[in-house]
Amino acid sequence: MKNPTPGQRYRNEILTAEHQAKDLGGILSVLAPGTSPPYHYHEKRESIIIAISGEAVEILEGKEPPSKPAM
């Protein structure tokens, strides 16, 4: 999808309590090149990050775990 807020991060919740989701959430984020989301952490929750194009780096507990593109 094309970023509806060019040059800025776009974030849309796609799975919420309205969908009766109790232990699972879904967020679609579109990042402009060279940008990142603000620092945050997840308590008792895991993340799945899928880079559709370009590259992504996740920093986990101060380290960059190795990642490979999905094919």
C-alpha atoms as a PDB file:
ATOM      1  CA  MET A   1       0.000   0.000   0.000  1.00  0.00           C
ATOM      2  CA  LYS A   2       1.135   3.526  -0.593  1.00  0.00           C
ATOM      3  CA  ASN A   3       1.819   5.512   2.576  1.00  0.00           C
ATOM      4  CA  PRO A   4      -1.191   7.839   3.112  1.00  0.00           C
ATOM      5  CA  THR A   5       1.064  10.134   5.191  1.00  0.00           C
ATOM      6  CA  PRO A   6       4.177  10.513   2.982  1.00  0.00           C
ATOM      7  CA  GLY A   7       7.381  11.098   4.941  1.00  0.00           C
ATOM      8  CA  GLN A   8       5.708  10.057   8.197  1.00  0.00           C
ATOM      9  CA  ARG A   9       4.864   6.786   9.896  1.00  0.00           C
ATOM     10  CA  TYR A  10       1.372   5.437   9.218  1.00  0.00           C
ATOM     11  CA  ARG A  11      -0.116   3.131  11.841  1.00  0.00           C
ATOM     12  CA  ASN A  12      -3.510   1.452  11.787  1.00  0.00           C
ATOM     13  CA  GLU A  13      -4.845  -1.113  14.244  1.00  0.00           C
ATOM     14  CA  ILE A  14      -6.293  -4.007  12.263  1.00  0.00           C
ATOM     15  CA  LEU A  15      -7.193  -6.404  15.078  1.00  0.00           C
ATOM     16  CA  THR A  16      -8.668  -4.949  18.257  1.00  0.00           C
ATOM     17  CA  ALA A  17     -11.002  -5.684  21.155  1.00  0.00           C
ATOM     18  CA  GLU A  18     -13.827  -4.623  18.818  1.00  0.00           C
ATOM     19  CA  HIS A  19     -13.008  -7.778  16.861  1.00  0.00           C
ATOM     20  CA  GLN A  20     -13.236  -9.724  20.148  1.00  0.00           C
ATOM     21  CA  ALA A  21      -9.464 -10.246  20.099  1.00  0.00           C
ATOM     22  CA  LYS A  22      -8.348 -10.953  23.664  1.00  0.00           C
ATOM     23  CA  ASP A  23      -4.763 -12.182  23.432  1.00  0.00           C
ATOM     24  CA  LEU A  24      -3.804 -11.070  19.939  1.00  0.00           C
ATOM     25  CA  GLY A  25      -3.477  -7.661  18.361  1.00  0.00           C
ATOM     26  CA  GLY A  26      -2.666  -6.519  14.870  1.00  0.00           C
ATOM     27  CA  ILE A  27      -1.137  -3.297  13.652  1.00  0.00           C
ATOM     28  CA  LEU A  28      -0.266  -2.338  10.096  1.00  0.00           C
ATOM     29  CA  SER A  29       2.585   0.147   9.978  1.00  0.00           C
ATOM     30  CA  VAL A  30       4.086   1.846   6.962  1.00  0.00           C
ATOM     31  CA  LEU A  31       7.425   3.533   7.617  1.00  0.00           C
ATOM     32  CA  ALA A  32       9.064   6.132   5.438  1.00  0.00           C
ATOM     33  CA  PRO A  33      12.631   5.231   4.411  1.00  0.00           C
ATOM     34  CA  GLY A  34      15.167   6.017   7.124  1.00  0.00           C
ATOM     35  CA  THR A  35      12.557   6.377   9.871  1.00  0.00           C
ATOM     36  CA  SER A  36      11.641   4.222  12.844  1.00  0.00           C
ATOM     37  CA  PRO A  37       8.833   3.947  15.366  1.00  0.00           C
ATOM     38  CA  PRO A  38       9.412   5.494  18.790  1.00  0.00           C
ATOM     39  CA  TYR A  39      11.145   3.359  21.400  1.00  0.00           C
ATOM     40  CA  HIS A  40       8.671   1.079  23.155  1.00  0.00           C
ATOM     41  CA  TYR A  41       8.450  -2.351  24.712  1.00  0.00           C
ATOM     42  CA  HIS A  42       5.874  -5.095  24.874  1.00  0.00           C
ATOM     43  CA  GLU A  43       5.166  -6.760  28.188  1.00  0.00           C
ATOM     44  CA  LYS A  44       3.775 -10.284  27.864  1.00  0.00           C
ATOM     45  CA  ARG A  45       3.437  -9.879  24.097  1.00  0.00           C
ATOM     46  CA  GLU A  46       5.449 -10.850  21.058  1.00  0.00           C
ATOM     47  CA  SER A  47       5.797  -9.162  17.685  1.00  0.00           C
ATOM     48  CA  ILE A  48       5.975 -10.392  14.139  1.00  0.00           C
ATOM     49  CA  ILE A  49       7.668  -7.983  11.769  1.00  0.00           C
ATOM     50  CA  ILE A  50       7.415  -8.502   8.025  1.00  0.00           C
ATOM     51  CA  ALA A  51       9.281  -6.164   5.695  1.00  0.00           C
ATOM     52  CA  ILE A  52       7.358  -6.009   2.423  1.00  0.00           C
ATOM     53  CA  SER A  53      10.103  -4.055   0.685  1.00  0.00           C
ATOM     54  CA  GLY A  54      13.443  -2.583   1.650  1.00  0.00           C
ATOM     55  CA  GLU A  55      15.143  -3.691   4.848  1.00  0.00           C
ATOM     56  CA  ALA A  56      14.136  -3.726   8.498  1.00  0.00           C
ATOM     57  CA  VAL A  57      16.232  -3.898  11.649  1.00  0.00           C
ATOM     58  CA  GLU A  58      14.783  -4.766  15.036  1.00  0.00           C
ATOM     59  CA  ILE A  59      16.683  -4.014  18.211  1.00  0.00           C
ATOM     60  CA  LEU A  60      15.852  -6.480  20.959  1.00  0.00           C
ATOM     61  CA  GLU A  61      17.278  -5.858  24.426  1.00  0.00           C
ATOM     62  CA  GLY A  62      19.960  -3.639  22.920  1.00  0.00           C
ATOM     63  CA  LYS A  63      21.034  -6.193  20.299  1.00  0.00           C
ATOM     64  CA  GLU A  64      20.245  -6.709  16.623  1.00  0.00           C
ATOM     65  CA  PRO A  65      19.255 -10.355  16.174  1.00  0.00           C
ATOM     66  CA  PRO A  66      19.987 -11.731  12.710  1.00  0.00           C
ATOM     67  CA  SER A  67      17.124 -11.575  10.249  1.00  0.00           C
ATOM     68  CA  LYS A  68      16.560 -12.734   6.703  1.00  0.00           C
ATOM     69  CA  PRO A  69      14.103 -11.550   4.068  1.00  0.00           C
ATOM     70  CA  ALA A  70      10.945 -13.637   3.730  1.00  0.00           C
ATOM     71  CA  MET A  71      10.689 -15.279   0.345  1.00  0.00           C
END
